[in-house]
Amino acid sequence: LSADEPLTPETDLRDAGLDSLGTVELLGSLESAYDVRFVDE
């Protein structure tokens, strides 16, 4: 996803390049940034 391309609510994150390793890293970043923990569900 280029810097000038809009991120829309419906953007397919996998098509935009989010892979399994990125998902795990993003998960940790979101938990830290928002002080939350992703529950199993």
PDB file of all heavy atoms in Angstrom:
ATOM      1  N   LEU A   1       0.866  -1.183   0.000  1.00  0.00           N
ATOM      2  CA  LEU A   1       0.000   0.000   0.000  1.00  0.00           C
ATOM      3  C   LEU A   1       0.897   1.225   0.000  1.00  0.00           C
ATOM      4  O   LEU A   1       1.602   1.482   0.970  1.00  0.00           O
ATOM      5  CB  LEU A   1      -0.910  -0.006   1.242  1.00  0.00           C
ATOM      6  CG  LEU A   1      -2.002   1.045   1.274  1.00  0.00           C
ATOM      7  CD1 LEU A   1      -3.102   0.687   0.270  1.00  0.00           C
ATOM      8  CD2 LEU A   1      -2.598   1.147   2.666  1.00  0.00           C
ATOM      9  N   SER A   2       0.883   1.963  -1.103  1.00  0.00           N
ATOM     10  CA  SER A   2       1.761   3.136  -1.198  1.00  0.00           C
ATOM     11  C   SER A   2       1.289   4.234  -0.247  1.00  0.00           C
ATOM     12  O   SER A   2       0.126   4.268   0.167  1.00  0.00           O
ATOM     13  CB  SER A   2       1.804   3.648  -2.633  1.00  0.00           C
ATOM     14  OG  SER A   2       0.535   4.124  -3.029  1.00  0.00           O
ATOM     15  N   ALA A   3       2.198   5.130   0.078  1.00  0.00           N
ATOM     16  CA  ALA A   3       1.915   6.199   1.034  1.00  0.00           C
ATOM     17  C   ALA A   3       0.779   7.109   0.567  1.00  0.00           C
ATOM     18  O   ALA A   3       0.045   7.655   1.393  1.00  0.00           O
ATOM     19  CB  ALA A   3       3.175   7.012   1.292  1.00  0.00           C
ATOM     20  N   ASP A   4       0.625   7.266  -0.744  1.00  0.00           N
ATOM     21  CA  ASP A   4      -0.431   8.139  -1.263  1.00  0.00           C
ATOM     22  C   ASP A   4      -1.743   7.400  -1.531  1.00  0.00           C
ATOM     23  O   ASP A   4      -2.743   8.009  -1.902  1.00  0.00           O
ATOM     24  CB  ASP A   4       0.039   8.863  -2.518  1.00  0.00           C
ATOM     25  CG  ASP A   4       0.379   7.915  -3.658  1.00  0.00           C
ATOM     26  OD1 ASP A   4       0.632   6.729  -3.409  1.00  0.00           O
ATOM     27  OD2 ASP A   4       0.405   8.387  -4.810  1.00  0.00           O
ATOM     28  N   GLU A   5      -1.751   6.101  -1.317  1.00  0.00           N
ATOM     29  CA  GLU A   5      -2.961   5.304  -1.533  1.00  0.00           C
ATOM     30  C   GLU A   5      -3.794   5.303  -0.245  1.00  0.00           C
ATOM     31  O   GLU A   5      -3.272   5.065   0.840  1.00  0.00           O
ATOM     32  CB  GLU A   5      -2.562   3.869  -1.887  1.00  0.00           C
ATOM     33  CG  GLU A   5      -3.664   3.028  -2.419  1.00  0.00           C
ATOM     34  CD  GLU A   5      -3.157   1.681  -2.919  1.00  0.00           C
ATOM     35  OE1 GLU A   5      -1.933   1.484  -3.009  1.00  0.00           O
ATOM     36  OE2 GLU A   5      -4.000   0.832  -3.215  1.00  0.00           O
ATOM     37  N   PRO A   6      -5.087   5.595  -0.362  1.00  0.00           N
ATOM     38  CA  PRO A   6      -5.913   5.652   0.851  1.00  0.00           C
ATOM     39  C   PRO A   6      -6.104   4.278   1.489  1.00  0.00           C
ATOM     40  O   PRO A   6      -6.187   3.259   0.795  1.00  0.00           O
ATOM     41  CB  PRO A   6      -7.245   6.217   0.364  1.00  0.00           C
ATOM     42  CG  PRO A   6      -7.286   5.913  -1.092  1.00  0.00           C
ATOM     43  CD  PRO A   6      -5.861   5.882  -1.566  1.00  0.00           C
ATOM     44  N   LEU A   7      -6.160   4.283   2.789  1.00  0.00           N
ATOM     45  CA  LEU A   7      -6.488   3.082   3.556  1.00  0.00           C
ATOM     46  C   LEU A   7      -7.977   3.188   3.878  1.00  0.00           C
ATOM     47  O   LEU A   7      -8.388   4.036   4.663  1.00  0.00           O
ATOM     48  CB  LEU A   7      -5.659   3.019   4.833  1.00  0.00           C
ATOM     49  CG  LEU A   7      -5.860   1.807   5.722  1.00  0.00           C
ATOM     50  CD1 LEU A   7      -5.392   0.544   5.005  1.00  0.00           C
ATOM     51  CD2 LEU A   7      -5.100   1.969   7.024  1.00  0.00           C
ATOM     52  N   THR A   8      -8.768   2.370   3.221  1.00  0.00           N
ATOM     53  CA  THR A   8     -10.216   2.429   3.415  1.00  0.00           C
ATOM     54  C   THR A   8     -10.640   1.366   4.424  1.00  0.00           C
ATOM     55  O   THR A   8      -9.889   0.415   4.683  1.00  0.00           O
ATOM     56  CB  THR A   8     -10.963   2.188   2.086  1.00  0.00           C
ATOM     57  OG1 THR A   8     -10.755   0.829   1.682  1.00  0.00           O
ATOM     58  CG2 THR A   8     -10.488   3.149   1.002  1.00  0.00           C
ATOM     59  N   PRO A   9     -11.830   1.491   4.966  1.00  0.00           N
ATOM     60  CA  PRO A   9     -12.308   0.469   5.902  1.00  0.00           C
ATOM     61  C   PRO A   9     -12.331  -0.932   5.298  1.00  0.00           C
ATOM     62  O   PRO A   9     -12.145  -1.913   6.005  1.00  0.00           O
ATOM     63  CB  PRO A   9     -13.725   0.932   6.250  1.00  0.00           C
ATOM     64  CG  PRO A   9     -13.685   2.408   6.058  1.00  0.00           C
ATOM     65  CD  PRO A   9     -12.760   2.619   4.875  1.00  0.00           C
ATOM     66  N   GLU A  10     -12.518  -1.020   3.973  1.00  0.00           N
ATOM     67  CA  GLU A  10     -12.642  -2.315   3.305  1.00  0.00           C
ATOM     68  C   GLU A  10     -11.339  -2.814   2.685  1.00  0.00           C
ATOM     69  O   GLU A  10     -11.320  -3.870   2.054  1.00  0.00           O
ATOM     70  CB  GLU A  10     -13.699  -2.239   2.200  1.00  0.00           C
ATOM     71  CG  GLU A  10     -15.087  -1.917   2.694  1.00  0.00           C
ATOM     72  CD  GLU A  10     -15.297  -0.413   2.919  1.00  0.00           C
ATOM     73  OE1 GLU A  10     -14.580   0.407   2.309  1.00  0.00           O
ATOM     74  OE2 GLU A  10     -16.154  -0.066   3.728  1.00  0.00           O
ATOM     75  N   THR A  11     -10.235  -2.088   2.844  1.00  0.00           N
ATOM     76  CA  THR A  11      -8.961  -2.531   2.276  1.00  0.00           C
ATOM     77  C   THR A  11      -8.661  -3.951   2.739  1.00  0.00           C
ATOM     78  O   THR A  11      -8.724  -4.246   3.937  1.00  0.00           O
ATOM     79  CB  THR A  11      -7.811  -1.600   2.714  1.00  0.00           C
ATOM     80  OG1 THR A  11      -8.044  -0.288   2.206  1.00  0.00           O
ATOM     81  CG2 THR A  11      -6.464  -2.098   2.217  1.00  0.00           C
ATOM     82  N   ASP A  12      -8.360  -4.826   1.799  1.00  0.00           N
ATOM     83  CA  ASP A  12      -7.993  -6.199   2.143  1.00  0.00           C
ATOM     84  C   ASP A  12      -6.541  -6.176   2.630  1.00  0.00           C
ATOM     85  O   ASP A  12      -5.627  -5.901   1.849  1.00  0.00           O
ATOM     86  CB  ASP A  12      -8.138  -7.110   0.929  1.00  0.00           C
ATOM     87  CG  ASP A  12      -7.904  -8.569   1.267  1.00  0.00           C
ATOM     88  OD1 ASP A  12      -6.828  -8.894   1.833  1.00  0.00           O
ATOM     89  OD2 ASP A  12      -8.779  -9.384   0.960  1.00  0.00           O
ATOM     90  N   LEU A  13      -6.347  -6.426   3.905  1.00  0.00           N
ATOM     91  CA  LEU A  13      -5.015  -6.303   4.496  1.00  0.00           C
ATOM     92  C   LEU A  13      -4.037  -7.325   3.934  1.00  0.00           C
ATOM     93  O   LEU A  13      -2.842  -7.023   3.786  1.00  0.00           O
ATOM     94  CB  LEU A  13      -5.097  -6.401   6.019  1.00  0.00           C
ATOM     95  CG  LEU A  13      -5.890  -5.275   6.690  1.00  0.00           C
ATOM     96  CD1 LEU A  13      -5.918  -5.467   8.204  1.00  0.00           C
ATOM     97  CD2 LEU A  13      -5.322  -3.911   6.328  1.00  0.00           C
ATOM     98  N   ARG A  14      -4.499  -8.506   3.590  1.00  0.00           N
ATOM     99  CA  ARG A  14      -3.592  -9.501   2.991  1.00  0.00           C
ATOM    100  C   ARG A  14      -3.148  -9.053   1.606  1.00  0.00           C
ATOM    101  O   ARG A  14      -1.981  -9.178   1.249  1.00  0.00           O
ATOM    102  CB  ARG A  14      -4.244 -10.873   2.957  1.00  0.00           C
ATOM    103  CG  ARG A  14      -4.166 -11.560   4.327  1.00  0.00           C
ATOM    104  CD  ARG A  14      -4.783 -12.930   4.270  1.00  0.00           C
ATOM    105  NE  ARG A  14      -5.836 -13.183   4.898  1.00  0.00           N
ATOM    106  CZ  ARG A  14      -7.099 -12.792   5.301  1.00  0.00           C
ATOM    107  NH1 ARG A  14      -7.559 -12.315   5.126  1.00  0.00           N
ATOM    108  NH2 ARG A  14      -8.047 -12.933   5.906  1.00  0.00           N
ATOM    109  N   ASP A  15      -4.080  -8.507   0.829  1.00  0.00           N
ATOM    110  CA  ASP A  15      -3.721  -7.996  -0.496  1.00  0.00           C
ATOM    111  C   ASP A  15      -2.757  -6.816  -0.393  1.00  0.00           C
ATOM    112  O   ASP A  15      -1.955  -6.586  -1.294  1.00  0.00           O
ATOM    113  CB  ASP A  15      -4.964  -7.557  -1.279  1.00  0.00           C
ATOM    114  CG  ASP A  15      -5.795  -8.728  -1.775  1.00  0.00           C
ATOM    115  OD1 ASP A  15      -5.318  -9.888  -1.716  1.00  0.00           O
ATOM    116  OD2 ASP A  15      -6.940  -8.482  -2.221  1.00  0.00           O
ATOM    117  N   ALA A  16      -2.837  -6.080   0.707  1.00  0.00           N
ATOM    118  CA  ALA A  16      -1.956  -4.925   0.923  1.00  0.00           C
ATOM    119  C   ALA A  16      -0.603  -5.343   1.497  1.00  0.00           C
ATOM    120  O   ALA A  16       0.258  -4.506   1.713  1.00  0.00           O
ATOM    121  CB  ALA A  16      -2.635  -3.911   1.838  1.00  0.00           C
ATOM    122  N   GLY A  17      -0.424  -6.652   1.752  1.00  0.00           N
ATOM    123  CA  GLY A  17       0.877  -7.163   2.156  1.00  0.00           C
ATOM    124  C   GLY A  17       1.005  -7.637   3.582  1.00  0.00           C
ATOM    125  O   GLY A  17       2.105  -7.983   4.022  1.00  0.00           O
ATOM    126  N   LEU A  18      -0.087  -7.663   4.348  1.00  0.00           N
ATOM    127  CA  LEU A  18      -0.004  -8.154   5.724  1.00  0.00           C
ATOM    128  C   LEU A  18       0.117  -9.674   5.697  1.00  0.00           C
ATOM    129  O   LEU A  18      -0.817 -10.380   5.323  1.00  0.00           O
ATOM    130  CB  LEU A  18      -1.237  -7.735   6.530  1.00  0.00           C
ATOM    131  CG  LEU A  18      -1.215  -8.109   8.007  1.00  0.00           C
ATOM    132  CD1 LEU A  18      -0.083  -7.392   8.743  1.00  0.00           C
ATOM    133  CD2 LEU A  18      -2.553  -7.787   8.662  1.00  0.00           C
ATOM    134  N   ASP A  19       1.288 -10.173   6.074  1.00  0.00           N
ATOM    135  CA  ASP A  19       1.508 -11.621   6.097  1.00  0.00           C
ATOM    136  C   ASP A  19       1.439 -12.123   7.536  1.00  0.00           C
ATOM    137  O   ASP A  19       1.163 -11.360   8.457  1.00  0.00           O
ATOM    138  CB  ASP A  19       2.841 -11.977   5.429  1.00  0.00           C
ATOM    139  CG  ASP A  19       4.047 -11.331   6.099  1.00  0.00           C
ATOM    140  OD1 ASP A  19       3.936 -10.829   7.249  1.00  0.00           O
ATOM    141  OD2 ASP A  19       5.120 -11.328   5.475  1.00  0.00           O
ATOM    142  N   SER A  20       1.690 -13.405   7.740  1.00  0.00           N
ATOM    143  CA  SER A  20       1.536 -13.994   9.076  1.00  0.00           C
ATOM    144  C   SER A  20       2.525 -13.399  10.075  1.00  0.00           C
ATOM    145  O   SER A  20       2.150 -13.113  11.221  1.00  0.00           O
ATOM    146  CB  SER A  20       1.676 -15.514   9.014  1.00  0.00           C
ATOM    147  OG  SER A  20       2.913 -15.885   8.447  1.00  0.00           O
ATOM    148  N   LEU A  21       3.756 -13.189   9.679  1.00  0.00           N
ATOM    149  CA  LEU A  21       4.728 -12.571  10.589  1.00  0.00           C
ATOM    150  C   LEU A  21       4.328 -11.140  10.899  1.00  0.00           C
ATOM    151  O   LEU A  21       4.380 -10.701  12.050  1.00  0.00           O
ATOM    152  CB  LEU A  21       6.135 -12.616   9.988  1.00  0.00           C
ATOM    153  CG  LEU A  21       7.244 -12.017  10.838  1.00  0.00           C
ATOM    154  CD1 LEU A  21       7.327 -12.703  12.199  1.00  0.00           C
ATOM    155  CD2 LEU A  21       8.580 -12.126  10.118  1.00  0.00           C
ATOM    156  N   GLY A  22       3.892 -10.409   9.885  1.00  0.00           N
ATOM    157  CA  GLY A  22       3.431  -9.043  10.093  1.00  0.00           C
ATOM    158  C   GLY A  22       2.227  -8.985  11.014  1.00  0.00           C
ATOM    159  O   GLY A  22       2.108  -8.070  11.832  1.00  0.00           O
ATOM    160  N   THR A  23       1.342  -9.956  10.899  1.00  0.00           N
ATOM    161  CA  THR A  23       0.165 -10.007  11.769  1.00  0.00           C
ATOM    162  C   THR A  23       0.577 -10.154  13.227  1.00  0.00           C
ATOM    163  O   THR A  23       0.054  -9.456  14.102  1.00  0.00           O
ATOM    164  CB  THR A  23      -0.768 -11.167  11.360  1.00  0.00           C
ATOM    165  OG1 THR A  23      -1.197 -10.957  10.011  1.00  0.00           O
ATOM    166  CG2 THR A  23      -1.978 -11.264  12.263  1.00  0.00           C
ATOM    167  N   VAL A  24       1.524 -11.029  13.495  1.00  0.00           N
ATOM    168  CA  VAL A  24       2.000 -11.234  14.866  1.00  0.00           C
ATOM    169  C   VAL A  24       2.666  -9.958  15.391  1.00  0.00           C
ATOM    170  O   VAL A  24       2.421  -9.533  16.531  1.00  0.00           O
ATOM    171  CB  VAL A  24       2.970 -12.437  14.940  1.00  0.00           C
ATOM    172  CG1 VAL A  24       3.616 -12.536  16.305  1.00  0.00           C
ATOM    173  CG2 VAL A  24       2.240 -13.724  14.594  1.00  0.00           C
ATOM    174  N   GLU A  25       3.492  -9.331  14.563  1.00  0.00           N
ATOM    175  CA  GLU A  25       4.167  -8.101  14.983  1.00  0.00           C
ATOM    176  C   GLU A  25       3.156  -6.971  15.180  1.00  0.00           C
ATOM    177  O   GLU A  25       3.246  -6.201  16.143  1.00  0.00           O
ATOM    178  CB  GLU A  25       5.219  -7.704  13.961  1.00  0.00           C
ATOM    179  CG  GLU A  25       6.399  -8.665  13.933  1.00  0.00           C
ATOM    180  CD  GLU A  25       7.392  -8.357  12.826  1.00  0.00           C
ATOM    181  OE1 GLU A  25       7.116  -7.483  11.971  1.00  0.00           O
ATOM    182  OE2 GLU A  25       8.458  -9.009  12.821  1.00  0.00           O
ATOM    183  N   LEU A  26       2.186  -6.867  14.279  1.00  0.00           N
ATOM    184  CA  LEU A  26       1.139  -5.855  14.405  1.00  0.00           C
ATOM    185  C   LEU A  26       0.336  -6.071  15.673  1.00  0.00           C
ATOM    186  O   LEU A  26       0.017  -5.111  16.383  1.00  0.00           O
ATOM    187  CB  LEU A  26       0.225  -5.895  13.179  1.00  0.00           C
ATOM    188  CG  LEU A  26      -0.985  -4.971  13.180  1.00  0.00           C
ATOM    189  CD1 LEU A  26      -0.581  -3.516  13.331  1.00  0.00           C
ATOM    190  CD2 LEU A  26      -1.819  -5.187  11.919  1.00  0.00           C
ATOM    191  N   LEU A  27       0.027  -7.304  15.974  1.00  0.00           N
ATOM    192  CA  LEU A  27      -0.696  -7.640  17.196  1.00  0.00           C
ATOM    193  C   LEU A  27       0.029  -7.074  18.418  1.00  0.00           C
ATOM    194  O   LEU A  27      -0.563  -6.402  19.257  1.00  0.00           O
ATOM    195  CB  LEU A  27      -0.835  -9.155  17.311  1.00  0.00           C
ATOM    196  CG  LEU A  27      -1.369  -9.730  18.616  1.00  0.00           C
ATOM    197  CD1 LEU A  27      -2.840  -9.440  18.765  1.00  0.00           C
ATOM    198  CD2 LEU A  27      -1.128 -11.218  18.660  1.00  0.00           C
ATOM    199  N   GLY A  28       1.333  -7.330  18.511  1.00  0.00           N
ATOM    200  CA  GLY A  28       2.112  -6.816  19.634  1.00  0.00           C
ATOM    201  C   GLY A  28       2.153  -5.301  19.658  1.00  0.00           C
ATOM    202  O   GLY A  28       2.050  -4.683  20.727  1.00  0.00           O
ATOM    203  N   SER A  29       2.286  -4.689  18.504  1.00  0.00           N
ATOM    204  CA  SER A  29       2.326  -3.226  18.426  1.00  0.00           C
ATOM    205  C   SER A  29       0.999  -2.617  18.870  1.00  0.00           C
ATOM    206  O   SER A  29       0.980  -1.616  19.592  1.00  0.00           O
ATOM    207  CB  SER A  29       2.642  -2.778  16.996  1.00  0.00           C
ATOM    208  OG  SER A  29       3.934  -3.166  16.619  1.00  0.00           O
ATOM    209  N   LEU A  30      -0.110  -3.207  18.445  1.00  0.00           N
ATOM    210  CA  LEU A  30      -1.423  -2.703  18.848  1.00  0.00           C
ATOM    211  C   LEU A  30      -1.654  -2.882  20.343  1.00  0.00           C
ATOM    212  O   LEU A  30      -2.199  -1.993  21.007  1.00  0.00           O
ATOM    213  CB  LEU A  30      -2.524  -3.400  18.051  1.00  0.00           C
ATOM    214  CG  LEU A  30      -2.613  -3.032  16.572  1.00  0.00           C
ATOM    215  CD1 LEU A  30      -3.566  -3.970  15.847  1.00  0.00           C
ATOM    216  CD2 LEU A  30      -3.035  -1.579  16.394  1.00  0.00           C
ATOM    217  N   GLU A  31      -1.245  -4.032  20.871  1.00  0.00           N
ATOM    218  CA  GLU A  31      -1.400  -4.256  22.311  1.00  0.00           C
ATOM    219  C   GLU A  31      -0.611  -3.217  23.101  1.00  0.00           C
ATOM    220  O   GLU A  31      -1.109  -2.689  24.102  1.00  0.00           O
ATOM    221  CB  GLU A  31      -0.959  -5.669  22.675  1.00  0.00           C
ATOM    222  CG  GLU A  31      -1.945  -6.730  22.232  1.00  0.00           C
ATOM    223  CD  GLU A  31      -1.553  -8.136  22.645  1.00  0.00           C
ATOM    224  OE1 GLU A  31      -0.359  -8.405  22.908  1.00  0.00           O
ATOM    225  OE2 GLU A  31      -2.461  -8.982  22.708  1.00  0.00           O
ATOM    226  N   SER A  32       0.584  -2.913  22.667  1.00  0.00           N
ATOM    227  CA  SER A  32       1.408  -1.909  23.361  1.00  0.00           C
ATOM    228  C   SER A  32       0.830  -0.507  23.206  1.00  0.00           C
ATOM    229  O   SER A  32       0.734   0.245  24.180  1.00  0.00           O
ATOM    230  CB  SER A  32       2.838  -1.925  22.818  1.00  0.00           C
ATOM    231  OG  SER A  32       3.467  -3.123  23.139  1.00  0.00           O
ATOM    232  N   ALA A  33       0.451  -0.153  22.001  1.00  0.00           N
ATOM    233  CA  ALA A  33      -0.028   1.198  21.725  1.00  0.00           C
ATOM    234  C   ALA A  33      -1.345   1.515  22.428  1.00  0.00           C
ATOM    235  O   ALA A  33      -1.552   2.642  22.881  1.00  0.00           O
ATOM    236  CB  ALA A  33      -0.180   1.398  20.223  1.00  0.00           C
ATOM    237  N   TYR A  34      -2.215   0.522  22.517  1.00  0.00           N
ATOM    238  CA  TYR A  34      -3.552   0.761  23.080  1.00  0.00           C
ATOM    239  C   TYR A  34      -3.747   0.133  24.456  1.00  0.00           C
ATOM    240  O   TYR A  34      -4.846   0.181  25.003  1.00  0.00           O
ATOM    241  CB  TYR A  34      -4.624   0.268  22.101  1.00  0.00           C
ATOM    242  CG  TYR A  34      -4.686   1.142  20.872  1.00  0.00           C
ATOM    243  CD1 TYR A  34      -3.967   0.814  19.727  1.00  0.00           C
ATOM    244  CD2 TYR A  34      -5.415   2.319  20.868  1.00  0.00           C
ATOM    245  CE1 TYR A  34      -3.988   1.628  18.602  1.00  0.00           C
ATOM    246  CE2 TYR A  34      -5.440   3.146  19.761  1.00  0.00           C
ATOM    247  CZ  TYR A  34      -4.725   2.796  18.633  1.00  0.00           C
ATOM    248  OH  TYR A  34      -4.736   3.615  17.530  1.00  0.00           O
ATOM    249  N   ASP A  35      -2.692  -0.454  25.002  1.00  0.00           N
ATOM    250  CA  ASP A  35      -2.729  -1.071  26.326  1.00  0.00           C
ATOM    251  C   ASP A  35      -3.907  -2.044  26.447  1.00  0.00           C
ATOM    252  O   ASP A  35      -4.729  -1.952  27.366  1.00  0.00           O
ATOM    253  CB  ASP A  35      -2.793  -0.005  27.418  1.00  0.00           C
ATOM    254  CG  ASP A  35      -2.435  -0.572  28.786  1.00  0.00           C
ATOM    255  OD1 ASP A  35      -1.687  -1.567  28.846  1.00  0.00           O
ATOM    256  OD2 ASP A  35      -2.923  -0.029  29.799  1.00  0.00           O
ATOM    257  N   VAL A  36      -3.983  -2.941  25.464  1.00  0.00           N
ATOM    258  CA  VAL A  36      -5.020  -3.969  25.439  1.00  0.00           C
ATOM    259  C   VAL A  36      -4.362  -5.321  25.227  1.00  0.00           C
ATOM    260  O   VAL A  36      -3.181  -5.405  24.902  1.00  0.00           O
ATOM    261  CB  VAL A  36      -6.055  -3.726  24.309  1.00  0.00           C
ATOM    262  CG1 VAL A  36      -6.810  -2.434  24.538  1.00  0.00           C
ATOM    263  CG2 VAL A  36      -5.395  -3.735  22.943  1.00  0.00           C
ATOM    264  N   ARG A  37      -5.122  -6.374  25.428  1.00  0.00           N
ATOM    265  CA  ARG A  37      -4.674  -7.736  25.136  1.00  0.00           C
ATOM    266  C   ARG A  37      -5.728  -8.391  24.261  1.00  0.00           C
ATOM    267  O   ARG A  37      -6.922  -8.382  24.589  1.00  0.00           O
ATOM    268  CB  ARG A  37      -4.505  -8.557  26.419  1.00  0.00           C
ATOM    269  CG  ARG A  37      -3.382  -8.093  27.291  1.00  0.00           C
ATOM    270  CD  ARG A  37      -2.027  -8.421  26.673  1.00  0.00           C
ATOM    271  NE  ARG A  37      -0.961  -7.748  27.378  1.00  0.00           N
ATOM    272  CZ  ARG A  37      -0.201  -6.783  26.878  1.00  0.00           C
ATOM    273  NH1 ARG A  37      -0.394  -6.355  25.654  1.00  0.00           N
ATOM    274  NH2 ARG A  37       0.748  -6.231  27.576  1.00  0.00           N
ATOM    275  N   PHE A  38      -5.287  -8.932  23.138  1.00  0.00           N
ATOM    276  CA  PHE A  38      -6.205  -9.650  22.257  1.00  0.00           C
ATOM    277  C   PHE A  38      -6.595 -10.963  22.931  1.00  0.00           C
ATOM    278  O   PHE A  38      -5.734 -11.757  23.275  1.00  0.00           O
ATOM    279  CB  PHE A  38      -5.538  -9.937  20.906  1.00  0.00           C
ATOM    280  CG  PHE A  38      -5.580  -8.783  19.957  1.00  0.00           C
ATOM    281  CD1 PHE A  38      -4.780  -7.667  20.144  1.00  0.00           C
ATOM    282  CD2 PHE A  38      -6.423  -8.807  18.859  1.00  0.00           C
ATOM    283  CE1 PHE A  38      -4.818  -6.602  19.267  1.00  0.00           C
ATOM    284  CE2 PHE A  38      -6.477  -7.748  17.961  1.00  0.00           C
ATOM    285  CZ  PHE A  38      -5.668  -6.636  18.175  1.00  0.00           C
ATOM    286  N   VAL A  39      -7.885 -11.153  23.111  1.00  0.00           N
ATOM    287  CA  VAL A  39      -8.388 -12.391  23.704  1.00  0.00           C
ATOM    288  C   VAL A  39      -8.479 -13.449  22.615  1.00  0.00           C
ATOM    289  O   VAL A  39      -8.466 -13.142  21.422  1.00  0.00           O
ATOM    290  CB  VAL A  39      -9.760 -12.168  24.373  1.00  0.00           C
ATOM    291  CG1 VAL A  39      -9.615 -11.259  25.592  1.00  0.00           C
ATOM    292  CG2 VAL A  39     -10.757 -11.583  23.402  1.00  0.00           C
ATOM    293  N   ASP A  40      -8.566 -14.690  23.033  1.00  0.00           N
ATOM    294  CA  ASP A  40      -8.532 -15.807  22.083  1.00  0.00           C
ATOM    295  C   ASP A  40      -9.528 -15.669  20.939  1.00  0.00           C
ATOM    296  O   ASP A  40      -9.191 -15.935  19.783  1.00  0.00           O
ATOM    297  CB  ASP A  40      -8.769 -17.135  22.804  1.00  0.00           C
ATOM    298  CG  ASP A  40      -7.577 -17.541  23.664  1.00  0.00           C
ATOM    299  OD1 ASP A  40      -6.481 -17.000  23.453  1.00  0.00           O
ATOM    300  OD2 ASP A  40      -7.760 -18.409  24.537  1.00  0.00           O
ATOM    301  N   GLU A  41     -10.765 -15.250  21.233  1.00  0.00           N
ATOM    302  CA  GLU A  41     -11.761 -15.182  20.168  1.00  0.00           C
ATOM    303  C   GLU A  41     -11.462 -14.083  19.150  1.00  0.00           C
ATOM    304  O   GLU A  41     -12.004 -14.082  18.049  1.00  0.00           O
ATOM    305  CB  GLU A  41     -13.192 -15.034  20.720  1.00  0.00           C
ATOM    306  CG  GLU A  41     -13.401 -13.842  21.596  1.00  0.00           C
ATOM    307  CD  GLU A  41     -13.251 -14.131  23.082  1.00  0.00           C
ATOM    308  OE1 GLU A  41     -12.763 -15.206  23.453  1.00  0.00           O
ATOM    309  OE2 GLU A  41     -13.608 -13.263  23.879  1.00  0.00           O
TER     310      GLU A  41
END
